[in-house]
Amino acid sequence: MIMRHNSPDVCTPLVYRGKFYILNGVAKKLLRVEPRNSKVLGECDLEGKTKFQASPTGADGKIYCINMRGEAFVVSATDTPRILHRIDTGGKDCRSTIAIAGGKLFIRVDDRLYCIGKK
């Protein structure tokens, strides 16, 4: 069965805009999957320096992911996901899912909290 090989170790899957995404934190891949049969419909290699344990977050037509070294990725929420932006926050032990509120992103790494958005 395909789902066994693509199931996340720690990250919770994301349902966003009617599509199902799985972040395989060890393989560093974001997969768009058909939930009825677990067929992989699209895939994005995140190419980060370390594994992911925080869950992906969806907003504004994008998916936000952060790995344990604080590399944050903005991925298109399209049929074929692709990296749009990559930011190194300088974190060392990041396990917190990126939060969204009031049109802003909140990224917690180590002893810092970043708020990204328009004033």
PDB file of N, CA and C in Angstrom:
ATOM      1  N   MET A   1       0.831  -1.180   0.000  1.00  0.00           N
ATOM      2  CA  MET A   1       0.000   0.000   0.000  1.00  0.00           C
ATOM      3  C   MET A   1       0.878   1.246   0.000  1.00  0.00           C
ATOM      4  N   ILE A   2       0.539   2.213  -0.799  1.00  0.00           N
ATOM      5  CA  ILE A   2       1.332   3.428  -0.960  1.00  0.00           C
ATOM      6  C   ILE A   2       1.386   4.231   0.338  1.00  0.00           C
ATOM      7  N   MET A   3       0.304   4.322   1.084  1.00  0.00           N
ATOM      8  CA  MET A   3       0.242   5.167   2.274  1.00  0.00           C
ATOM      9  C   MET A   3       1.285   4.777   3.312  1.00  0.00           C
ATOM     10  N   ARG A   4       1.616   3.519   3.443  1.00  0.00           N
ATOM     11  CA  ARG A   4       2.619   3.098   4.416  1.00  0.00           C
ATOM     12  C   ARG A   4       3.957   3.776   4.175  1.00  0.00           C
ATOM     13  N   HIS A   5       4.336   3.923   2.929  1.00  0.00           N
ATOM     14  CA  HIS A   5       5.629   4.503   2.589  1.00  0.00           C
ATOM     15  C   HIS A   5       5.618   6.029   2.681  1.00  0.00           C
ATOM     16  N   ASN A   6       4.444   6.640   2.589  1.00  0.00           N
ATOM     17  CA  ASN A   6       4.351   8.096   2.585  1.00  0.00           C
ATOM     18  C   ASN A   6       3.776   8.666   3.862  1.00  0.00           C
ATOM     19  N   SER A   7       3.513   7.833   4.838  1.00  0.00           N
ATOM     20  CA  SER A   7       2.905   8.352   6.063  1.00  0.00           C
ATOM     21  C   SER A   7       3.944   9.142   6.863  1.00  0.00           C
ATOM     22  N   PRO A   8       3.485  10.213   7.515  1.00  0.00           N
ATOM     23  CA  PRO A   8       4.425  11.030   8.287  1.00  0.00           C
ATOM     24  C   PRO A   8       4.829  10.349   9.585  1.00  0.00           C
ATOM     25  N   ASP A   9       6.013  10.669  10.052  1.00  0.00           N
ATOM     26  CA  ASP A   9       6.486  10.155  11.333  1.00  0.00           C
ATOM     27  C   ASP A   9       5.854  10.955  12.470  1.00  0.00           C
ATOM     28  N   VAL A  10       5.906  12.279  12.379  1.00  0.00           N
ATOM     29  CA  VAL A  10       5.401  13.143  13.436  1.00  0.00           C
ATOM     30  C   VAL A  10       4.385  14.149  12.891  1.00  0.00           C
ATOM     31  N   CYS A  11       4.621  14.690  11.727  1.00  0.00           N
ATOM     32  CA  CYS A  11       3.802  15.763  11.148  1.00  0.00           C
ATOM     33  C   CYS A  11       2.362  15.304  10.897  1.00  0.00           C
ATOM     34  N   THR A  12       1.410  16.155  11.268  1.00  0.00           N
ATOM     35  CA  THR A  12       0.002  15.879  11.006  1.00  0.00           C
ATOM     36  C   THR A  12      -0.310  16.267   9.565  1.00  0.00           C
ATOM     37  N   PRO A  13      -1.010  15.420   8.802  1.00  0.00           N
ATOM     38  CA  PRO A  13      -1.390  15.784   7.426  1.00  0.00           C
ATOM     39  C   PRO A  13      -2.258  17.038   7.411  1.00  0.00           C
ATOM     40  N   LEU A  14      -2.311  17.689   6.264  1.00  0.00           N
ATOM     41  CA  LEU A  14      -3.040  18.940   6.088  1.00  0.00           C
ATOM     42  C   LEU A  14      -4.110  18.767   5.018  1.00  0.00           C
ATOM     43  N   VAL A  15      -5.322  19.194   5.325  1.00  0.00           N
ATOM     44  CA  VAL A  15      -6.368  19.322   4.313  1.00  0.00           C
ATOM     45  C   VAL A  15      -6.514  20.815   4.070  1.00  0.00           C
ATOM     46  N   TYR A  16      -6.263  21.231   2.832  1.00  0.00           N
ATOM     47  CA  TYR A  16      -6.300  22.649   2.502  1.00  0.00           C
ATOM     48  C   TYR A  16      -6.906  22.817   1.127  1.00  0.00           C
ATOM     49  N   ARG A  17      -7.929  23.655   1.041  1.00  0.00           N
ATOM     50  CA  ARG A  17      -8.643  23.919  -0.205  1.00  0.00           C
ATOM     51  C   ARG A  17      -9.079  22.620  -0.892  1.00  0.00           C
ATOM     52  N   GLY A  18      -9.571  21.696  -0.084  1.00  0.00           N
ATOM     53  CA  GLY A  18     -10.097  20.450  -0.606  1.00  0.00           C
ATOM     54  C   GLY A  18      -9.050  19.448  -1.057  1.00  0.00           C
ATOM     55  N   LYS A  19      -7.781  19.730  -0.782  1.00  0.00           N
ATOM     56  CA  LYS A  19      -6.699  18.821  -1.170  1.00  0.00           C
ATOM     57  C   LYS A  19      -5.997  18.308   0.082  1.00  0.00           C
ATOM     58  N   PHE A  20      -5.430  17.117  -0.015  1.00  0.00           N
ATOM     59  CA  PHE A  20      -4.818  16.429   1.118  1.00  0.00           C
ATOM     60  C   PHE A  20      -3.309  16.412   0.927  1.00  0.00           C
ATOM     61  N   TYR A  21      -2.574  16.950   1.903  1.00  0.00           N
ATOM     62  CA  TYR A  21      -1.115  17.036   1.831  1.00  0.00           C
ATOM     63  C   TYR A  21      -0.495  16.278   2.997  1.00  0.00           C
ATOM     64  N   ILE A  22       0.576  15.569   2.706  1.00  0.00           N
ATOM     65  CA  ILE A  22       1.333  14.845   3.728  1.00  0.00           C
ATOM     66  C   ILE A  22       2.772  15.339   3.664  1.00  0.00           C
ATOM     67  N   LEU A  23       3.304  15.747   4.808  1.00  0.00           N
ATOM     68  CA  LEU A  23       4.708  16.132   4.903  1.00  0.00           C
ATOM     69  C   LEU A  23       5.463  14.957   5.500  1.00  0.00           C
ATOM     70  N   ASN A  24       6.257  14.302   4.682  1.00  0.00           N
ATOM     71  CA  ASN A  24       7.106  13.218   5.166  1.00  0.00           C
ATOM     72  C   ASN A  24       8.374  13.887   5.676  1.00  0.00           C
ATOM     73  N   GLY A  25       8.457  14.038   6.993  1.00  0.00           N
ATOM     74  CA  GLY A  25       9.527  14.812   7.609  1.00  0.00           C
ATOM     75  C   GLY A  25      10.906  14.221   7.463  1.00  0.00           C
ATOM     76  N   VAL A  26      11.008  12.903   7.425  1.00  0.00           N
ATOM     77  CA  VAL A  26      12.307  12.252   7.286  1.00  0.00           C
ATOM     78  C   VAL A  26      12.791  12.332   5.841  1.00  0.00           C
ATOM     79  N   ALA A  27      11.885  12.083   4.890  1.00  0.00           N
ATOM     80  CA  ALA A  27      12.249  12.141   3.467  1.00  0.00           C
ATOM     81  C   ALA A  27      12.309  13.576   2.948  1.00  0.00           C
ATOM     82  N   LYS A  28      11.805  14.544   3.742  1.00  0.00           N
ATOM     83  CA  LYS A  28      11.791  15.963   3.379  1.00  0.00           C
ATOM     84  C   LYS A  28      11.007  16.210   2.098  1.00  0.00           C
ATOM     85  N   LYS A  29       9.828  15.584   2.021  1.00  0.00           N
ATOM     86  CA  LYS A  29       8.965  15.729   0.850  1.00  0.00           C
ATOM     87  C   LYS A  29       7.559  16.104   1.279  1.00  0.00           C
ATOM     88  N   LEU A  30       6.957  17.036   0.525  1.00  0.00           N
ATOM     89  CA  LEU A  30       5.558  17.384   0.700  1.00  0.00           C
ATOM     90  C   LEU A  30       4.807  16.718  -0.447  1.00  0.00           C
ATOM     91  N   LEU A  31       3.838  15.889  -0.104  1.00  0.00           N
ATOM     92  CA  LEU A  31       3.082  15.129  -1.096  1.00  0.00           C
ATOM     93  C   LEU A  31       1.639  15.583  -1.121  1.00  0.00           C
ATOM     94  N   ARG A  32       1.072  15.706  -2.322  1.00  0.00           N
ATOM     95  CA  ARG A  32      -0.373  15.892  -2.468  1.00  0.00           C
ATOM     96  C   ARG A  32      -0.915  14.515  -2.799  1.00  0.00           C
ATOM     97  N   VAL A  33      -1.856  14.042  -1.998  1.00  0.00           N
ATOM     98  CA  VAL A  33      -2.289  12.655  -2.066  1.00  0.00           C
ATOM     99  C   VAL A  33      -3.802  12.574  -2.247  1.00  0.00           C
ATOM    100  N   GLU A  34      -4.251  11.580  -2.985  1.00  0.00           N
ATOM    101  CA  GLU A  34      -5.672  11.262  -3.097  1.00  0.00           C
ATOM    102  C   GLU A  34      -6.040  10.435  -1.871  1.00  0.00           C
ATOM    103  N   PRO A  35      -6.861  10.972  -0.956  1.00  0.00           N
ATOM    104  CA  PRO A  35      -7.121  10.255   0.292  1.00  0.00           C
ATOM    105  C   PRO A  35      -7.877   8.938   0.121  1.00  0.00           C
ATOM    106  N   ARG A  36      -8.645   8.795  -0.957  1.00  0.00           N
ATOM    107  CA  ARG A  36      -9.420   7.563  -1.142  1.00  0.00           C
ATOM    108  C   ARG A  36      -8.552   6.342  -1.420  1.00  0.00           C
ATOM    109  N   ASN A  37      -7.448   6.562  -2.146  1.00  0.00           N
ATOM    110  CA  ASN A  37      -6.614   5.408  -2.519  1.00  0.00           C
ATOM    111  C   ASN A  37      -5.134   5.624  -2.220  1.00  0.00           C
ATOM    112  N   SER A  38      -4.783   6.739  -1.621  1.00  0.00           N
ATOM    113  CA  SER A  38      -3.420   7.127  -1.232  1.00  0.00           C
ATOM    114  C   SER A  38      -2.461   7.268  -2.411  1.00  0.00           C
ATOM    115  N   LYS A  39      -3.001   7.503  -3.590  1.00  0.00           N
ATOM    116  CA  LYS A  39      -2.163   7.735  -4.771  1.00  0.00           C
ATOM    117  C   LYS A  39      -1.527   9.125  -4.679  1.00  0.00           C
ATOM    118  N   VAL A  40      -0.217   9.206  -4.926  1.00  0.00           N
ATOM    119  CA  VAL A  40       0.503  10.478  -4.913  1.00  0.00           C
ATOM    120  C   VAL A  40       0.176  11.228  -6.205  1.00  0.00           C
ATOM    121  N   LEU A  41      -0.389  12.436  -6.058  1.00  0.00           N
ATOM    122  CA  LEU A  41      -0.787  13.248  -7.203  1.00  0.00           C
ATOM    123  C   LEU A  41       0.227  14.342  -7.532  1.00  0.00           C
ATOM    124  N   GLY A  42       1.011  14.726  -6.559  1.00  0.00           N
ATOM    125  CA  GLY A  42       2.039  15.748  -6.742  1.00  0.00           C
ATOM    126  C   GLY A  42       3.039  15.651  -5.615  1.00  0.00           C
ATOM    127  N   GLU A  43       4.259  16.116  -5.873  1.00  0.00           N
ATOM    128  CA  GLU A  43       5.333  15.958  -4.891  1.00  0.00           C
ATOM    129  C   GLU A  43       6.302  17.122  -4.987  1.00  0.00           C
ATOM    130  N   CYS A  44       6.786  17.580  -3.827  1.00  0.00           N
ATOM    131  CA  CYS A  44       7.779  18.649  -3.773  1.00  0.00           C
ATOM    132  C   CYS A  44       8.902  18.229  -2.840  1.00  0.00           C
ATOM    133  N   ASP A  45      10.120  18.183  -3.344  1.00  0.00           N
ATOM    134  CA  ASP A  45      11.294  17.859  -2.531  1.00  0.00           C
ATOM    135  C   ASP A  45      11.741  19.144  -1.853  1.00  0.00           C
ATOM    136  N   LEU A  46      11.696  19.171  -0.518  1.00  0.00           N
ATOM    137  CA  LEU A  46      12.011  20.395   0.221  1.00  0.00           C
ATOM    138  C   LEU A  46      13.509  20.629   0.402  1.00  0.00           C
ATOM    139  N   GLU A  47      14.331  19.643   0.196  1.00  0.00           N
ATOM    140  CA  GLU A  47      15.791  19.797   0.173  1.00  0.00           C
ATOM    141  C   GLU A  47      16.351  20.512   1.396  1.00  0.00           C
ATOM    142  N   GLY A  48      15.734  20.374   2.528  1.00  0.00           N
ATOM    143  CA  GLY A  48      16.229  21.026   3.732  1.00  0.00           C
ATOM    144  C   GLY A  48      17.448  20.317   4.299  1.00  0.00           C
ATOM    145  N   LYS A  49      18.053  20.949   5.301  1.00  0.00           N
ATOM    146  CA  LYS A  49      19.267  20.409   5.915  1.00  0.00           C
ATOM    147  C   LYS A  49      18.974  19.316   6.934  1.00  0.00           C
ATOM    148  N   THR A  50      17.739  19.254   7.421  1.00  0.00           N
ATOM    149  CA  THR A  50      17.381  18.261   8.439  1.00  0.00           C
ATOM    150  C   THR A  50      15.902  17.931   8.330  1.00  0.00           C
ATOM    151  N   LYS A  51      15.442  17.002   9.144  1.00  0.00           N
ATOM    152  CA  LYS A  51      14.059  16.530   9.052  1.00  0.00           C
ATOM    153  C   LYS A  51      13.062  17.559   9.583  1.00  0.00           C
ATOM    154  N   PHE A  52      11.805  17.305   9.277  1.00  0.00           N
ATOM    155  CA  PHE A  52      10.685  18.137   9.697  1.00  0.00           C
ATOM    156  C   PHE A  52       9.910  17.398  10.780  1.00  0.00           C
ATOM    157  N   GLN A  53       9.521  18.116  11.842  1.00  0.00           N
ATOM    158  CA  GLN A  53       8.619  17.552  12.841  1.00  0.00           C
ATOM    159  C   GLN A  53       7.384  18.419  13.030  1.00  0.00           C
ATOM    160  N   ALA A  54       7.459  19.680  12.639  1.00  0.00           N
ATOM    161  CA  ALA A  54       6.296  20.557  12.701  1.00  0.00           C
ATOM    162  C   ALA A  54       5.361  20.225  11.531  1.00  0.00           C
ATOM    163  N   SER A  55       4.076  20.384  11.753  1.00  0.00           N
ATOM    164  CA  SER A  55       3.082  20.089  10.722  1.00  0.00           C
ATOM    165  C   SER A  55       2.985  21.238   9.722  1.00  0.00           C
ATOM    166  N   PRO A  56       2.589  20.942   8.480  1.00  0.00           N
ATOM    167  CA  PRO A  56       2.404  22.010   7.499  1.00  0.00           C
ATOM    168  C   PRO A  56       1.155  22.832   7.815  1.00  0.00           C
ATOM    169  N   THR A  57       1.160  24.096   7.378  1.00  0.00           N
ATOM    170  CA  THR A  57       0.047  25.021   7.563  1.00  0.00           C
ATOM    171  C   THR A  57      -0.328  25.589   6.202  1.00  0.00           C
ATOM    172  N   GLY A  58      -1.622  25.744   5.945  1.00  0.00           N
ATOM    173  CA  GLY A  58      -2.075  26.291   4.664  1.00  0.00           C
ATOM    174  C   GLY A  58      -2.769  27.621   4.825  1.00  0.00           C
ATOM    175  N   ALA A  59      -2.458  28.577   3.943  1.00  0.00           N
ATOM    176  CA  ALA A  59      -3.114  29.890   3.923  1.00  0.00           C
ATOM    177  C   ALA A  59      -2.703  30.635   2.659  1.00  0.00           C
ATOM    178  N   ASP A  60      -3.597  31.470   2.155  1.00  0.00           N
ATOM    179  CA  ASP A  60      -3.295  32.372   1.041  1.00  0.00           C
ATOM    180  C   ASP A  60      -2.776  31.628  -0.191  1.00  0.00           C
ATOM    181  N   GLY A  61      -3.271  30.402  -0.422  1.00  0.00           N
ATOM    182  CA  GLY A  61      -2.845  29.638  -1.598  1.00  0.00           C
ATOM    183  C   GLY A  61      -1.455  29.042  -1.469  1.00  0.00           C
ATOM    184  N   LYS A  62      -0.942  28.996  -0.240  1.00  0.00           N
ATOM    185  CA  LYS A  62       0.413  28.480  -0.014  1.00  0.00           C
ATOM    186  C   LYS A  62       0.425  27.523   1.165  1.00  0.00           C
ATOM    187  N   ILE A  63       1.469  26.708   1.221  1.00  0.00           N
ATOM    188  CA  ILE A  63       1.684  25.808   2.342  1.00  0.00           C
ATOM    189  C   ILE A  63       3.005  26.193   2.980  1.00  0.00           C
ATOM    190  N   TYR A  64       2.996  26.316   4.311  1.00  0.00           N
ATOM    191  CA  TYR A  64       4.164  26.750   5.065  1.00  0.00           C
ATOM    192  C   TYR A  64       4.685  25.579   5.897  1.00  0.00           C
ATOM    193  N   CYS A  65       5.993  25.319   5.798  1.00  0.00           N
ATOM    194  CA  CYS A  65       6.632  24.227   6.533  1.00  0.00           C
ATOM    195  C   CYS A  65       7.935  24.749   7.143  1.00  0.00           C
ATOM    196  N   ILE A  66       8.317  24.173   8.279  1.00  0.00           N
ATOM    197  CA  ILE A  66       9.594  24.543   8.891  1.00  0.00           C
ATOM    198  C   ILE A  66      10.270  23.278   9.414  1.00  0.00           C
ATOM    199  N   ASN A  67      11.582  23.178   9.150  1.00  0.00           N
ATOM    200  CA  ASN A  67      12.303  21.995   9.624  1.00  0.00           C
ATOM    201  C   ASN A  67      12.962  22.277  10.971  1.00  0.00           C
ATOM    202  N   MET A  68      13.623  21.277  11.508  1.00  0.00           N
ATOM    203  CA  MET A  68      14.178  21.394  12.863  1.00  0.00           C
ATOM    204  C   MET A  68      15.319  22.395  12.978  1.00  0.00           C
ATOM    205  N   ARG A  69      15.956  22.767  11.871  1.00  0.00           N
ATOM    206  CA  ARG A  69      17.021  23.780  11.910  1.00  0.00           C
ATOM    207  C   ARG A  69      16.506  25.173  11.595  1.00  0.00           C
ATOM    208  N   GLY A  70      15.186  25.320  11.536  1.00  0.00           N
ATOM    209  CA  GLY A  70      14.615  26.648  11.335  1.00  0.00           C
ATOM    210  C   GLY A  70      14.539  27.111   9.904  1.00  0.00           C
ATOM    211  N   GLU A  71      14.675  26.218   8.944  1.00  0.00           N
ATOM    212  CA  GLU A  71      14.490  26.592   7.541  1.00  0.00           C
ATOM    213  C   GLU A  71      12.992  26.544   7.253  1.00  0.00           C
ATOM    214  N   ALA A  72      12.425  27.703   6.925  1.00  0.00           N
ATOM    215  CA  ALA A  72      11.003  27.791   6.613  1.00  0.00           C
ATOM    216  C   ALA A  72      10.829  27.784   5.093  1.00  0.00           C
ATOM    217  N   PHE A  73       9.841  27.030   4.633  1.00  0.00           N
ATOM    218  CA  PHE A  73       9.572  26.881   3.208  1.00  0.00           C
ATOM    219  C   PHE A  73       8.153  27.336   2.909  1.00  0.00           C
ATOM    220  N   VAL A  74       8.006  28.081   1.825  1.00  0.00           N
ATOM    221  CA  VAL A  74       6.702  28.470   1.313  1.00  0.00           C
ATOM    222  C   VAL A  74       6.530  27.687   0.010  1.00  0.00           C
ATOM    223  N   VAL A  75       5.483  26.872  -0.033  1.00  0.00           N
ATOM    224  CA  VAL A  75       5.256  25.974  -1.167  1.00  0.00           C
ATOM    225  C   VAL A  75       3.903  26.309  -1.796  1.00  0.00           C
ATOM    226  N   SER A  76       3.814  26.259  -3.104  1.00  0.00           N
ATOM    227  CA  SER A  76       2.548  26.527  -3.782  1.00  0.00           C
ATOM    228  C   SER A  76       1.551  25.410  -3.476  1.00  0.00           C
ATOM    229  N   ALA A  77       0.315  25.781  -3.203  1.00  0.00           N
ATOM    230  CA  ALA A  77      -0.745  24.797  -2.956  1.00  0.00           C
ATOM    231  C   ALA A  77      -1.437  24.518  -4.284  1.00  0.00           C
ATOM    232  N   THR A  78      -0.693  23.923  -5.199  1.00  0.00           N
ATOM    233  CA  THR A  78      -1.175  23.639  -6.546  1.00  0.00           C
ATOM    234  C   THR A  78      -1.114  22.137  -6.809  1.00  0.00           C
ATOM    235  N   ASP A  79      -1.574  21.737  -7.993  1.00  0.00           N
ATOM    236  CA  ASP A  79      -1.545  20.312  -8.337  1.00  0.00           C
ATOM    237  C   ASP A  79      -0.142  19.744  -8.257  1.00  0.00           C
ATOM    238  N   THR A  80       0.833  20.520  -8.670  1.00  0.00           N
ATOM    239  CA  THR A  80       2.229  20.120  -8.538  1.00  0.00           C
ATOM    240  C   THR A  80       2.905  21.126  -7.608  1.00  0.00           C
ATOM    241  N   PRO A  81       2.970  20.831  -6.308  1.00  0.00           N
ATOM    242  CA  PRO A  81       3.567  21.785  -5.363  1.00  0.00           C
ATOM    243  C   PRO A  81       5.021  22.090  -5.717  1.00  0.00           C
ATOM    244  N   ARG A  82       5.410  23.354  -5.545  1.00  0.00           N
ATOM    245  CA  ARG A  82       6.805  23.747  -5.784  1.00  0.00           C
ATOM    246  C   ARG A  82       7.199  24.815  -4.784  1.00  0.00           C
ATOM    247  N   ILE A  83       8.487  24.870  -4.475  1.00  0.00           N
ATOM    248  CA  ILE A  83       8.994  25.857  -3.515  1.00  0.00           C
ATOM    249  C   ILE A  83       8.922  27.245  -4.132  1.00  0.00           C
ATOM    250  N   LEU A  84       8.305  28.171  -3.409  1.00  0.00           N
ATOM    251  CA  LEU A  84       8.233  29.564  -3.828  1.00  0.00           C
ATOM    252  C   LEU A  84       9.289  30.403  -3.121  1.00  0.00           C
ATOM    253  N   HIS A  85       9.494  30.127  -1.827  1.00  0.00           N
ATOM    254  CA  HIS A  85      10.476  30.859  -1.018  1.00  0.00           C
ATOM    255  C   HIS A  85      11.065  29.921   0.022  1.00  0.00           C
ATOM    256  N   ARG A  86      12.258  30.282   0.456  1.00  0.00           N
ATOM    257  CA  ARG A  86      12.945  29.530   1.508  1.00  0.00           C
ATOM    258  C   ARG A  86      13.669  30.538   2.391  1.00  0.00           C
ATOM    259  N   ILE A  87      13.481  30.443   3.710  1.00  0.00           N
ATOM    260  CA  ILE A  87      14.049  31.395   4.649  1.00  0.00           C
ATOM    261  C   ILE A  87      14.762  30.623   5.756  1.00  0.00           C
ATOM    262  N   ASP A  88      15.979  31.028   6.089  1.00  0.00           N
ATOM    263  CA  ASP A  88      16.694  30.407   7.200  1.00  0.00           C
ATOM    264  C   ASP A  88      16.562  31.326   8.405  1.00  0.00           C
ATOM    265  N   THR A  89      15.850  30.861   9.430  1.00  0.00           N
ATOM    266  CA  THR A  89      15.613  31.680  10.618  1.00  0.00           C
ATOM    267  C   THR A  89      16.735  31.565  11.644  1.00  0.00           C
ATOM    268  N   GLY A  90      17.658  30.642  11.427  1.00  0.00           N
ATOM    269  CA  GLY A  90      18.765  30.469  12.350  1.00  0.00           C
ATOM    270  C   GLY A  90      18.427  29.631  13.572  1.00  0.00           C
ATOM    271  N   GLY A  91      17.317  28.906  13.523  1.00  0.00           N
ATOM    272  CA  GLY A  91      16.923  28.073  14.655  1.00  0.00           C
ATOM    273  C   GLY A  91      17.782  26.833  14.789  1.00  0.00           C
ATOM    274  N   LYS A  92      17.675  26.166  15.933  1.00  0.00           N
ATOM    275  CA  LYS A  92      18.458  24.960  16.197  1.00  0.00           C
ATOM    276  C   LYS A  92      17.590  23.758  16.533  1.00  0.00           C
ATOM    277  N   ASP A  93      16.419  23.999  17.090  1.00  0.00           N
ATOM    278  CA  ASP A  93      15.563  22.905  17.521  1.00  0.00           C
ATOM    279  C   ASP A  93      14.106  23.326  17.347  1.00  0.00           C
ATOM    280  N   CYS A  94      13.661  23.404  16.104  1.00  0.00           N
ATOM    281  CA  CYS A  94      12.334  23.930  15.784  1.00  0.00           C
ATOM    282  C   CYS A  94      11.344  22.789  15.578  1.00  0.00           C
ATOM    283  N   ARG A  95      10.336  22.758  16.429  1.00  0.00           N
ATOM    284  CA  ARG A  95       9.307  21.730  16.333  1.00  0.00           C
ATOM    285  C   ARG A  95       7.912  22.344  16.266  1.00  0.00           C
ATOM    286  N   SER A  96       7.814  23.664  16.326  1.00  0.00           N
ATOM    287  CA  SER A  96       6.517  24.339  16.369  1.00  0.00           C
ATOM    288  C   SER A  96       5.974  24.590  14.972  1.00  0.00           C
ATOM    289  N   THR A  97       4.731  24.227  14.781  1.00  0.00           N
ATOM    290  CA  THR A  97       4.041  24.473  13.524  1.00  0.00           C
ATOM    291  C   THR A  97       3.878  25.980  13.332  1.00  0.00           C
ATOM    292  N   ILE A  98       4.056  26.446  12.116  1.00  0.00           N
ATOM    293  CA  ILE A  98       3.852  27.862  11.801  1.00  0.00           C
ATOM    294  C   ILE A  98       2.372  28.177  11.988  1.00  0.00           C
ATOM    295  N   ALA A  99       2.085  29.233  12.741  1.00  0.00           N
ATOM    296  CA  ALA A  99       0.704  29.631  13.019  1.00  0.00           C
ATOM    297  C   ALA A  99       0.340  30.850  12.180  1.00  0.00           C
ATOM    298  N   ILE A 100      -0.959  30.979  11.901  1.00  0.00           N
ATOM    299  CA  ILE A 100      -1.444  32.104  11.112  1.00  0.00           C
ATOM    300  C   ILE A 100      -2.632  32.720  11.843  1.00  0.00           C
ATOM    301  N   ALA A 101      -2.589  34.055  11.988  1.00  0.00           N
ATOM    302  CA  ALA A 101      -3.684  34.788  12.615  1.00  0.00           C
ATOM    303  C   ALA A 101      -3.642  36.233  12.140  1.00  0.00           C
ATOM    304  N   GLY A 102      -4.799  36.790  11.864  1.00  0.00           N
ATOM    305  CA  GLY A 102      -4.880  38.197  11.482  1.00  0.00           C
ATOM    306  C   GLY A 102      -4.071  38.544  10.249  1.00  0.00           C
ATOM    307  N   GLY A 103      -3.929  37.605   9.311  1.00  0.00           N
ATOM    308  CA  GLY A 103      -3.166  37.863   8.097  1.00  0.00           C
ATOM    309  C   GLY A 103      -1.657  37.856   8.293  1.00  0.00           C
ATOM    310  N   LYS A 104      -1.199  37.347   9.422  1.00  0.00           N
ATOM    311  CA  LYS A 104       0.237  37.306   9.713  1.00  0.00           C
ATOM    312  C   LYS A 104       0.684  35.879  10.011  1.00  0.00           C
ATOM    313  N   LEU A 105       1.952  35.603   9.710  1.00  0.00           N
ATOM    314  CA  LEU A 105       2.573  34.317  10.049  1.00  0.00           C
ATOM    315  C   LEU A 105       3.314  34.480  11.365  1.00  0.00           C
ATOM    316  N   PHE A 106       3.210  33.493  12.221  1.00  0.00           N
ATOM    317  CA  PHE A 106       3.943  33.474  13.482  1.00  0.00           C
ATOM    318  C   PHE A 106       4.843  32.247  13.477  1.00  0.00           C
ATOM    319  N   ILE A 107       6.149  32.499  13.545  1.00  0.00           N
ATOM    320  CA  ILE A 107       7.143  31.427  13.475  1.00  0.00           C
ATOM    321  C   ILE A 107       7.959  31.457  14.755  1.00  0.00           C
ATOM    322  N   ARG A 108       7.886  30.367  15.524  1.00  0.00           N
ATOM    323  CA  ARG A 108       8.644  30.284  16.781  1.00  0.00           C
ATOM    324  C   ARG A 108       9.833  29.365  16.577  1.00  0.00           C
ATOM    325  N   VAL A 109      11.008  29.901  16.854  1.00  0.00           N
ATOM    326  CA  VAL A 109      12.250  29.115  16.795  1.00  0.00           C
ATOM    327  C   VAL A 109      13.052  29.400  18.062  1.00  0.00           C
ATOM    328  N   ASP A 110      13.482  28.348  18.712  1.00  0.00           N
ATOM    329  CA  ASP A 110      14.285  28.478  19.924  1.00  0.00           C
ATOM    330  C   ASP A 110      13.688  29.538  20.867  1.00  0.00           C
ATOM    331  N   ASP A 111      14.408  30.632  21.078  1.00  0.00           N
ATOM    332  CA  ASP A 111      13.950  31.661  22.014  1.00  0.00           C
ATOM    333  C   ASP A 111      13.395  32.899  21.307  1.00  0.00           C
ATOM    334  N   ARG A 112      13.003  32.763  20.049  1.00  0.00           N
ATOM    335  CA  ARG A 112      12.493  33.903  19.279  1.00  0.00           C
ATOM    336  C   ARG A 112      11.124  33.592  18.692  1.00  0.00           C
ATOM    337  N   LEU A 113      10.338  34.649  18.483  1.00  0.00           N
ATOM    338  CA  LEU A 113       9.062  34.554  17.811  1.00  0.00           C
ATOM    339  C   LEU A 113       9.054  35.602  16.704  1.00  0.00           C
ATOM    340  N   TYR A 114       8.908  35.150  15.468  1.00  0.00           N
ATOM    341  CA  TYR A 114       8.837  36.073  14.332  1.00  0.00           C
ATOM    342  C   TYR A 114       7.380  36.274  13.958  1.00  0.00           C
ATOM    343  N   CYS A 115       7.036  37.497  13.607  1.00  0.00           N
ATOM    344  CA  CYS A 115       5.715  37.831  13.077  1.00  0.00           C
ATOM    345  C   CYS A 115       5.945  38.437  11.700  1.00  0.00           C
ATOM    346  N   ILE A 116       5.398  37.792  10.679  1.00  0.00           N
ATOM    347  CA  ILE A 116       5.609  38.234   9.303  1.00  0.00           C
ATOM    348  C   ILE A 116       4.278  38.607   8.695  1.00  0.00           C
ATOM    349  N   GLY A 117       4.171  39.824   8.179  1.00  0.00           N
ATOM    350  CA  GLY A 117       2.949  40.278   7.540  1.00  0.00           C
ATOM    351  C   GLY A 117       2.970  41.775   7.337  1.00  0.00           C
ATOM    352  N   LYS A 118       1.935  42.262   6.714  1.00  0.00           N
ATOM    353  CA  LYS A 118       1.814  43.701   6.490  1.00  0.00           C
ATOM    354  C   LYS A 118       1.340  44.392   7.748  1.00  0.00           C
ATOM    355  N   LYS A 119       1.772  45.648   7.931  1.00  0.00           N
ATOM    356  CA  LYS A 119       1.345  46.450   9.092  1.00  0.00           C
ATOM    357  C   LYS A 119      -0.093  46.853   8.952  1.00  0.00           C
TER     358      LYS A 119
END
